[in-house]
Amino acid sequence: MDAMILLVLLTLKDSGPLGVNFVEFRDVSSCEARAEQLTDVLVKAGIKVVESSCVMGVQHFTPHRHRSRKGGAAKDRPEKKFAYLLALDRQRVLAMPKHDMQVCERERRRLEAKVDERARKNGVRYYCAASEQMLIDDGRP
């Protein structure tokens, strides 16, 4: 298992769905410093940061690609948004790809209804979020 620190950045922009970006780091302090920088930039740009967590991850995603301020060329923009059901607690994250956001929401509600007391104490949270990043390795041997 190839574990690393993963910044999970959940954002809300305009009336769109909850968005998620994933960034890999070697250590928690680097992740936390970058999370603080990104949060400041996003808030100043009018984007709400719902959650920013530096947690253990085993999954790898395609790199996040920034869009230019002037809209950029079509080739610079990923064409598809991927839907993920995220299980996030104080220590780790698991991103489960879903067909679309409607399927994701149904499964999120079902999971939340089944969460036991131990999971609640560990701070487990479930989110459905869209990302331009594709899961490329789920960390399984």
N, C-alpha and C. Protein backbone atom coordinates (compact mmCIF):
# COMPACT_ATOMS: atom_id res chain seq x y z
N MET A 1 0.85 -1.17 0.00
CA MET A 1 0.00 0.00 0.00
C MET A 1 0.89 1.24 0.00
N ASP A 2 0.63 2.16 -0.89
CA ASP A 2 1.41 3.37 -1.09
C ASP A 2 0.68 4.54 -0.42
N ALA A 3 0.83 4.67 0.90
CA ALA A 3 0.11 5.70 1.64
C ALA A 3 0.84 7.03 1.58
N MET A 4 0.07 8.12 1.56
CA MET A 4 0.62 9.47 1.57
C MET A 4 -0.37 10.37 2.28
N ILE A 5 0.06 11.61 2.48
CA ILE A 5 -0.85 12.60 3.03
C ILE A 5 -1.60 13.21 1.85
N LEU A 6 -2.89 13.30 1.98
CA LEU A 6 -3.73 13.80 0.90
C LEU A 6 -4.52 15.00 1.42
N LEU A 7 -4.37 16.13 0.73
CA LEU A 7 -5.20 17.30 1.02
C LEU A 7 -6.52 17.09 0.30
N VAL A 8 -7.60 17.09 1.06
CA VAL A 8 -8.94 16.98 0.51
C VAL A 8 -9.58 18.35 0.70
N LEU A 9 -9.81 19.03 -0.41
CA LEU A 9 -10.32 20.40 -0.38
C LEU A 9 -11.72 20.42 -0.98
N LEU A 10 -12.70 20.64 -0.12
CA LEU A 10 -14.11 20.68 -0.55
C LEU A 10 -14.55 22.13 -0.66
N THR A 11 -15.08 22.48 -1.83
CA THR A 11 -15.46 23.87 -2.09
C THR A 11 -16.87 23.96 -2.67
N LEU A 12 -17.45 25.12 -2.51
CA LEU A 12 -18.78 25.39 -3.05
C LEU A 12 -18.71 26.72 -3.79
N LYS A 13 -19.05 26.66 -5.08
CA LYS A 13 -18.99 27.85 -5.92
C LYS A 13 -20.34 28.06 -6.60
N ASP A 14 -20.86 29.26 -6.47
CA ASP A 14 -22.14 29.61 -7.08
C ASP A 14 -23.21 28.60 -6.71
N SER A 15 -23.98 28.14 -7.70
CA SER A 15 -25.06 27.20 -7.42
C SER A 15 -24.68 25.77 -7.84
N GLY A 16 -23.42 25.54 -8.15
CA GLY A 16 -22.99 24.22 -8.59
C GLY A 16 -22.91 23.23 -7.44
N PRO A 17 -22.56 21.99 -7.77
CA PRO A 17 -22.43 20.97 -6.74
C PRO A 17 -21.19 21.19 -5.90
N LEU A 18 -21.11 20.53 -4.79
CA LEU A 18 -19.92 20.55 -3.96
C LEU A 18 -18.77 20.03 -4.81
N GLY A 19 -17.63 20.72 -4.77
CA GLY A 19 -16.47 20.31 -5.55
C GLY A 19 -15.38 19.77 -4.63
N VAL A 20 -14.53 18.89 -5.18
CA VAL A 20 -13.41 18.37 -4.40
C VAL A 20 -12.15 18.36 -5.26
N ASN A 21 -11.05 18.71 -4.62
CA ASN A 21 -9.72 18.60 -5.23
C ASN A 21 -8.85 17.80 -4.29
N PHE A 22 -7.94 17.03 -4.89
CA PHE A 22 -7.03 16.18 -4.13
C PHE A 22 -5.60 16.58 -4.48
N VAL A 23 -4.75 16.77 -3.46
CA VAL A 23 -3.35 17.10 -3.67
C VAL A 23 -2.52 16.22 -2.74
N GLU A 24 -1.51 15.55 -3.29
CA GLU A 24 -0.64 14.66 -2.51
C GLU A 24 0.52 15.41 -1.87
N PHE A 25 0.88 14.99 -0.65
CA PHE A 25 2.02 15.54 0.07
C PHE A 25 2.77 14.42 0.78
N ARG A 26 4.02 14.68 1.10
CA ARG A 26 4.84 13.70 1.83
C ARG A 26 4.67 13.82 3.35
N ASP A 27 4.29 15.01 3.80
CA ASP A 27 4.16 15.20 5.25
C ASP A 27 3.00 16.15 5.57
N VAL A 28 2.53 16.05 6.78
CA VAL A 28 1.37 16.81 7.23
C VAL A 28 1.64 18.31 7.25
N SER A 29 2.83 18.72 7.70
CA SER A 29 3.11 20.15 7.82
C SER A 29 3.09 20.85 6.45
N SER A 30 3.62 20.21 5.42
CA SER A 30 3.57 20.78 4.06
C SER A 30 2.12 20.88 3.59
N CYS A 31 1.35 19.85 3.87
CA CYS A 31 -0.06 19.82 3.48
C CYS A 31 -0.83 20.95 4.16
N GLU A 32 -0.63 21.09 5.46
CA GLU A 32 -1.37 22.11 6.21
C GLU A 32 -1.00 23.52 5.76
N ALA A 33 0.28 23.75 5.43
CA ALA A 33 0.70 25.07 4.96
C ALA A 33 0.04 25.38 3.62
N ARG A 34 0.02 24.41 2.72
CA ARG A 34 -0.60 24.60 1.41
C ARG A 34 -2.11 24.77 1.53
N ALA A 35 -2.73 24.01 2.43
CA ALA A 35 -4.17 24.13 2.64
C ALA A 35 -4.53 25.54 3.10
N GLU A 36 -3.73 26.11 3.97
CA GLU A 36 -3.98 27.47 4.45
C GLU A 36 -3.85 28.48 3.31
N GLN A 37 -2.82 28.32 2.48
CA GLN A 37 -2.63 29.22 1.33
C GLN A 37 -3.81 29.13 0.37
N LEU A 38 -4.19 27.91 0.02
CA LEU A 38 -5.29 27.71 -0.92
C LEU A 38 -6.60 28.25 -0.38
N THR A 39 -6.85 28.03 0.89
CA THR A 39 -8.08 28.53 1.52
C THR A 39 -8.15 30.05 1.42
N ASP A 40 -7.05 30.73 1.72
CA ASP A 40 -7.02 32.19 1.61
C ASP A 40 -7.33 32.65 0.20
N VAL A 41 -6.70 32.03 -0.80
CA VAL A 41 -6.91 32.41 -2.20
C VAL A 41 -8.36 32.18 -2.61
N LEU A 42 -8.90 31.03 -2.25
CA LEU A 42 -10.26 30.69 -2.65
C LEU A 42 -11.29 31.62 -2.01
N VAL A 43 -11.13 31.89 -0.73
CA VAL A 43 -12.06 32.77 -0.03
C VAL A 43 -12.02 34.17 -0.64
N LYS A 44 -10.83 34.66 -0.95
CA LYS A 44 -10.71 35.98 -1.58
C LYS A 44 -11.37 36.01 -2.96
N ALA A 45 -11.42 34.84 -3.62
CA ALA A 45 -12.05 34.74 -4.94
C ALA A 45 -13.56 34.51 -4.84
N GLY A 46 -14.08 34.47 -3.62
CA GLY A 46 -15.52 34.30 -3.44
C GLY A 46 -15.98 32.85 -3.45
N ILE A 47 -15.07 31.93 -3.27
CA ILE A 47 -15.41 30.51 -3.25
C ILE A 47 -15.43 30.05 -1.80
N LYS A 48 -16.51 29.40 -1.40
CA LYS A 48 -16.65 28.92 -0.03
C LYS A 48 -15.87 27.61 0.14
N VAL A 49 -15.02 27.58 1.16
CA VAL A 49 -14.30 26.35 1.50
C VAL A 49 -15.11 25.64 2.58
N VAL A 50 -15.70 24.51 2.22
CA VAL A 50 -16.55 23.74 3.13
C VAL A 50 -15.68 22.97 4.12
N GLU A 51 -14.61 22.39 3.62
CA GLU A 51 -13.69 21.64 4.47
C GLU A 51 -12.35 21.53 3.77
N SER A 52 -11.30 21.56 4.58
CA SER A 52 -9.93 21.39 4.10
C SER A 52 -9.25 20.45 5.09
N SER A 53 -8.92 19.23 4.66
CA SER A 53 -8.37 18.23 5.57
C SER A 53 -7.11 17.61 5.00
N CYS A 54 -6.11 17.46 5.85
CA CYS A 54 -4.88 16.74 5.51
C CYS A 54 -4.95 15.39 6.22
N VAL A 55 -5.19 14.34 5.45
CA VAL A 55 -5.42 13.02 6.02
C VAL A 55 -4.64 11.96 5.23
N MET A 56 -4.58 10.76 5.79
CA MET A 56 -3.92 9.65 5.13
C MET A 56 -4.75 9.19 3.94
N GLY A 57 -4.08 8.94 2.84
CA GLY A 57 -4.76 8.45 1.65
C GLY A 57 -3.91 7.40 0.94
N VAL A 58 -4.57 6.52 0.23
CA VAL A 58 -3.86 5.50 -0.56
C VAL A 58 -4.24 5.60 -2.03
N GLN A 59 -5.16 6.49 -2.35
CA GLN A 59 -5.62 6.63 -3.73
C GLN A 59 -4.86 7.77 -4.41
N HIS A 60 -4.64 7.60 -5.71
CA HIS A 60 -3.96 8.61 -6.50
C HIS A 60 -4.91 9.14 -7.57
N PHE A 61 -4.84 10.44 -7.82
CA PHE A 61 -5.72 11.10 -8.77
C PHE A 61 -4.87 11.84 -9.81
N THR A 62 -5.47 12.09 -10.97
CA THR A 62 -4.78 12.92 -11.94
C THR A 62 -4.53 14.28 -11.30
N PRO A 63 -3.49 14.99 -11.75
CA PRO A 63 -3.21 16.30 -11.15
C PRO A 63 -4.34 17.29 -11.39
N HIS A 64 -4.49 18.19 -10.43
CA HIS A 64 -5.46 19.27 -10.58
C HIS A 64 -4.91 20.25 -11.60
N ARG A 65 -5.75 20.68 -12.55
CA ARG A 65 -5.32 21.63 -13.57
C ARG A 65 -6.05 22.94 -13.36
N HIS A 66 -5.28 23.99 -13.18
CA HIS A 66 -5.86 25.32 -12.99
C HIS A 66 -6.37 25.87 -14.31
N ARG A 67 -7.46 26.59 -14.25
CA ARG A 67 -8.00 27.27 -15.43
C ARG A 67 -7.45 28.68 -15.45
N SER A 68 -7.25 29.19 -16.63
CA SER A 68 -6.79 30.58 -16.72
C SER A 68 -7.96 31.50 -16.36
N ARG A 69 -7.65 32.70 -15.94
CA ARG A 69 -8.68 33.65 -15.54
C ARG A 69 -9.54 34.10 -16.71
N LYS A 70 -9.01 34.04 -17.90
CA LYS A 70 -9.76 34.49 -19.07
C LYS A 70 -10.52 33.35 -19.72
N GLY A 71 -10.67 32.27 -19.01
CA GLY A 71 -11.47 31.16 -19.55
C GLY A 71 -10.62 30.07 -20.16
N GLY A 72 -9.45 30.41 -20.67
CA GLY A 72 -8.55 29.40 -21.22
C GLY A 72 -9.10 28.74 -22.47
N ALA A 73 -8.23 28.09 -23.18
CA ALA A 73 -8.63 27.34 -24.37
C ALA A 73 -9.35 26.08 -23.97
N ALA A 74 -10.21 25.60 -24.86
CA ALA A 74 -11.00 24.39 -24.56
C ALA A 74 -10.11 23.21 -24.22
N LYS A 75 -8.94 23.12 -24.85
CA LYS A 75 -8.05 21.99 -24.59
C LYS A 75 -7.48 22.01 -23.16
N ASP A 76 -7.50 23.17 -22.51
CA ASP A 76 -6.99 23.28 -21.15
C ASP A 76 -7.99 22.84 -20.10
N ARG A 77 -9.23 22.63 -20.49
CA ARG A 77 -10.28 22.29 -19.53
C ARG A 77 -10.65 20.82 -19.62
N PRO A 78 -10.63 20.14 -18.48
CA PRO A 78 -11.11 18.76 -18.51
C PRO A 78 -12.58 18.74 -18.94
N GLU A 79 -12.96 17.76 -19.72
CA GLU A 79 -14.32 17.72 -20.26
C GLU A 79 -15.33 17.09 -19.31
N LYS A 80 -14.88 16.23 -18.41
CA LYS A 80 -15.82 15.48 -17.60
C LYS A 80 -15.60 15.77 -16.12
N LYS A 81 -16.68 15.85 -15.42
CA LYS A 81 -16.61 15.93 -13.97
C LYS A 81 -16.89 14.54 -13.43
N PHE A 82 -16.08 14.12 -12.49
CA PHE A 82 -16.25 12.81 -11.88
C PHE A 82 -16.96 12.97 -10.54
N ALA A 83 -17.89 12.07 -10.25
CA ALA A 83 -18.64 12.10 -9.00
C ALA A 83 -17.98 11.13 -8.01
N TYR A 84 -17.76 11.60 -6.80
CA TYR A 84 -17.17 10.76 -5.75
C TYR A 84 -18.01 10.82 -4.49
N LEU A 85 -18.19 9.66 -3.88
CA LEU A 85 -18.73 9.58 -2.53
C LEU A 85 -17.52 9.51 -1.63
N LEU A 86 -17.35 10.52 -0.77
CA LEU A 86 -16.19 10.59 0.10
C LEU A 86 -16.56 10.14 1.50
N ALA A 87 -15.74 9.27 2.06
CA ALA A 87 -15.83 8.91 3.47
C ALA A 87 -14.58 9.51 4.12
N LEU A 88 -14.80 10.47 5.00
CA LEU A 88 -13.70 11.25 5.55
C LEU A 88 -13.82 11.24 7.07
N ASP A 89 -12.71 10.92 7.73
CA ASP A 89 -12.70 11.06 9.19
C ASP A 89 -11.46 11.86 9.57
N ARG A 90 -11.10 11.87 10.84
CA ARG A 90 -9.98 12.69 11.29
C ARG A 90 -8.63 12.22 10.78
N GLN A 91 -8.56 10.96 10.33
CA GLN A 91 -7.27 10.39 9.96
C GLN A 91 -7.13 9.99 8.50
N ARG A 92 -8.22 9.71 7.82
CA ARG A 92 -8.10 9.16 6.46
C ARG A 92 -9.32 9.51 5.60
N VAL A 93 -9.13 9.24 4.29
CA VAL A 93 -10.19 9.49 3.32
C VAL A 93 -10.26 8.32 2.36
N LEU A 94 -11.46 8.04 1.91
CA LEU A 94 -11.70 7.07 0.85
C LEU A 94 -12.66 7.72 -0.13
N ALA A 95 -12.26 7.77 -1.40
CA ALA A 95 -13.10 8.33 -2.46
C ALA A 95 -13.64 7.18 -3.29
N MET A 96 -14.96 7.08 -3.35
CA MET A 96 -15.61 6.01 -4.11
C MET A 96 -16.26 6.61 -5.35
N PRO A 97 -15.75 6.28 -6.55
CA PRO A 97 -16.34 6.83 -7.77
C PRO A 97 -17.78 6.36 -7.94
N LYS A 98 -18.63 7.28 -8.39
CA LYS A 98 -20.04 6.98 -8.63
C LYS A 98 -20.41 7.41 -10.05
N HIS A 99 -21.48 6.82 -10.55
CA HIS A 99 -21.91 7.09 -11.93
C HIS A 99 -22.27 8.57 -12.12
N ASP A 100 -22.98 9.12 -11.16
CA ASP A 100 -23.35 10.53 -11.23
C ASP A 100 -23.70 11.01 -9.82
N MET A 101 -24.00 12.29 -9.70
CA MET A 101 -24.26 12.87 -8.38
C MET A 101 -25.56 12.37 -7.77
N GLN A 102 -26.56 12.03 -8.58
CA GLN A 102 -27.82 11.51 -8.02
C GLN A 102 -27.60 10.16 -7.36
N VAL A 103 -26.87 9.28 -8.02
CA VAL A 103 -26.54 7.97 -7.45
C VAL A 103 -25.73 8.17 -6.18
N CYS A 104 -24.79 9.08 -6.24
CA CYS A 104 -23.94 9.37 -5.08
C CYS A 104 -24.78 9.82 -3.88
N GLU A 105 -25.69 10.73 -4.10
CA GLU A 105 -26.53 11.25 -3.00
C GLU A 105 -27.38 10.15 -2.37
N ARG A 106 -27.93 9.27 -3.19
CA ARG A 106 -28.73 8.16 -2.64
C ARG A 106 -27.86 7.28 -1.74
N GLU A 107 -26.66 6.96 -2.21
CA GLU A 107 -25.77 6.11 -1.42
C GLU A 107 -25.26 6.82 -0.18
N ARG A 108 -25.01 8.13 -0.27
CA ARG A 108 -24.57 8.90 0.90
C ARG A 108 -25.62 8.87 1.99
N ARG A 109 -26.88 9.10 1.61
CA ARG A 109 -27.97 9.07 2.60
C ARG A 109 -28.09 7.69 3.25
N ARG A 110 -27.95 6.65 2.45
CA ARG A 110 -28.02 5.28 2.97
C ARG A 110 -26.88 5.02 3.96
N LEU A 111 -25.67 5.44 3.62
CA LEU A 111 -24.53 5.26 4.52
C LEU A 111 -24.70 6.03 5.82
N GLU A 112 -25.13 7.27 5.71
CA GLU A 112 -25.31 8.08 6.92
C GLU A 112 -26.34 7.47 7.86
N ALA A 113 -27.36 6.84 7.31
CA ALA A 113 -28.38 6.20 8.13
C ALA A 113 -27.82 4.99 8.87
N LYS A 114 -26.76 4.38 8.32
CA LYS A 114 -26.19 3.17 8.92
C LYS A 114 -24.97 3.43 9.80
N VAL A 115 -24.51 4.67 9.88
CA VAL A 115 -23.31 4.97 10.65
C VAL A 115 -23.54 4.61 12.11
N ASP A 116 -22.60 3.86 12.67
CA ASP A 116 -22.73 3.46 14.07
C ASP A 116 -22.09 4.50 15.00
N GLU A 117 -22.30 4.33 16.27
CA GLU A 117 -21.82 5.29 17.27
C GLU A 117 -20.30 5.42 17.25
N ARG A 118 -19.60 4.32 17.05
CA ARG A 118 -18.13 4.36 17.00
C ARG A 118 -17.65 5.25 15.84
N ALA A 119 -18.29 5.12 14.70
CA ALA A 119 -17.92 5.94 13.54
C ALA A 119 -18.20 7.41 13.82
N ARG A 120 -19.31 7.69 14.48
CA ARG A 120 -19.63 9.08 14.81
C ARG A 120 -18.57 9.67 15.74
N LYS A 121 -18.11 8.89 16.70
CA LYS A 121 -17.07 9.36 17.63
C LYS A 121 -15.76 9.62 16.91
N ASN A 122 -15.49 8.88 15.84
CA ASN A 122 -14.28 9.09 15.05
C ASN A 122 -14.44 10.23 14.05
N GLY A 123 -15.61 10.84 14.05
CA GLY A 123 -15.84 12.00 13.21
C GLY A 123 -16.04 11.69 11.74
N VAL A 124 -16.54 10.51 11.43
CA VAL A 124 -16.76 10.15 10.02
C VAL A 124 -17.82 11.05 9.40
N ARG A 125 -17.49 11.53 8.19
CA ARG A 125 -18.41 12.37 7.43
C ARG A 125 -18.48 11.82 6.01
N TYR A 126 -19.63 11.96 5.40
CA TYR A 126 -19.81 11.52 4.01
C TYR A 126 -20.21 12.73 3.18
N TYR A 127 -19.57 12.85 2.02
CA TYR A 127 -19.87 13.93 1.09
C TYR A 127 -20.01 13.36 -0.31
N CYS A 128 -20.84 13.98 -1.12
CA CYS A 128 -20.85 13.74 -2.55
C CYS A 128 -20.26 14.99 -3.17
N ALA A 129 -19.25 14.79 -4.01
CA ALA A 129 -18.59 15.94 -4.61
C ALA A 129 -18.14 15.62 -6.03
N ALA A 130 -18.12 16.66 -6.84
CA ALA A 130 -17.68 16.54 -8.23
C ALA A 130 -16.23 17.01 -8.33
N SER A 131 -15.48 16.36 -9.21
CA SER A 131 -14.07 16.72 -9.40
C SER A 131 -13.69 16.59 -10.86
N GLU A 132 -12.74 17.39 -11.27
CA GLU A 132 -12.18 17.25 -12.61
C GLU A 132 -11.03 16.25 -12.58
N GLN A 133 -10.69 15.78 -11.40
CA GLN A 133 -9.60 14.82 -11.24
C GLN A 133 -10.15 13.39 -11.30
N MET A 134 -9.48 12.57 -12.06
CA MET A 134 -9.89 11.17 -12.21
C MET A 134 -9.07 10.30 -11.27
N LEU A 135 -9.72 9.34 -10.65
CA LEU A 135 -9.03 8.35 -9.84
C LEU A 135 -8.20 7.47 -10.77
N ILE A 136 -6.89 7.39 -10.54
CA ILE A 136 -6.03 6.60 -11.42
C ILE A 136 -5.44 5.38 -10.73
N ASP A 137 -5.48 5.34 -9.41
CA ASP A 137 -4.96 4.20 -8.66
C ASP A 137 -5.66 4.18 -7.31
N ASP A 138 -6.35 3.06 -7.04
CA ASP A 138 -7.09 3.02 -5.77
C ASP A 138 -6.27 2.48 -4.61
N GLY A 139 -4.97 2.29 -4.79
CA GLY A 139 -4.09 1.90 -3.70
C GLY A 139 -4.08 0.44 -3.37
N ARG A 140 -4.82 -0.37 -4.10
CA ARG A 140 -4.82 -1.80 -3.81
C ARG A 140 -3.59 -2.47 -4.41
N PRO A 141 -3.03 -3.46 -3.71
CA PRO A 141 -1.84 -4.16 -4.23
C PRO A 141 -2.17 -4.97 -5.47
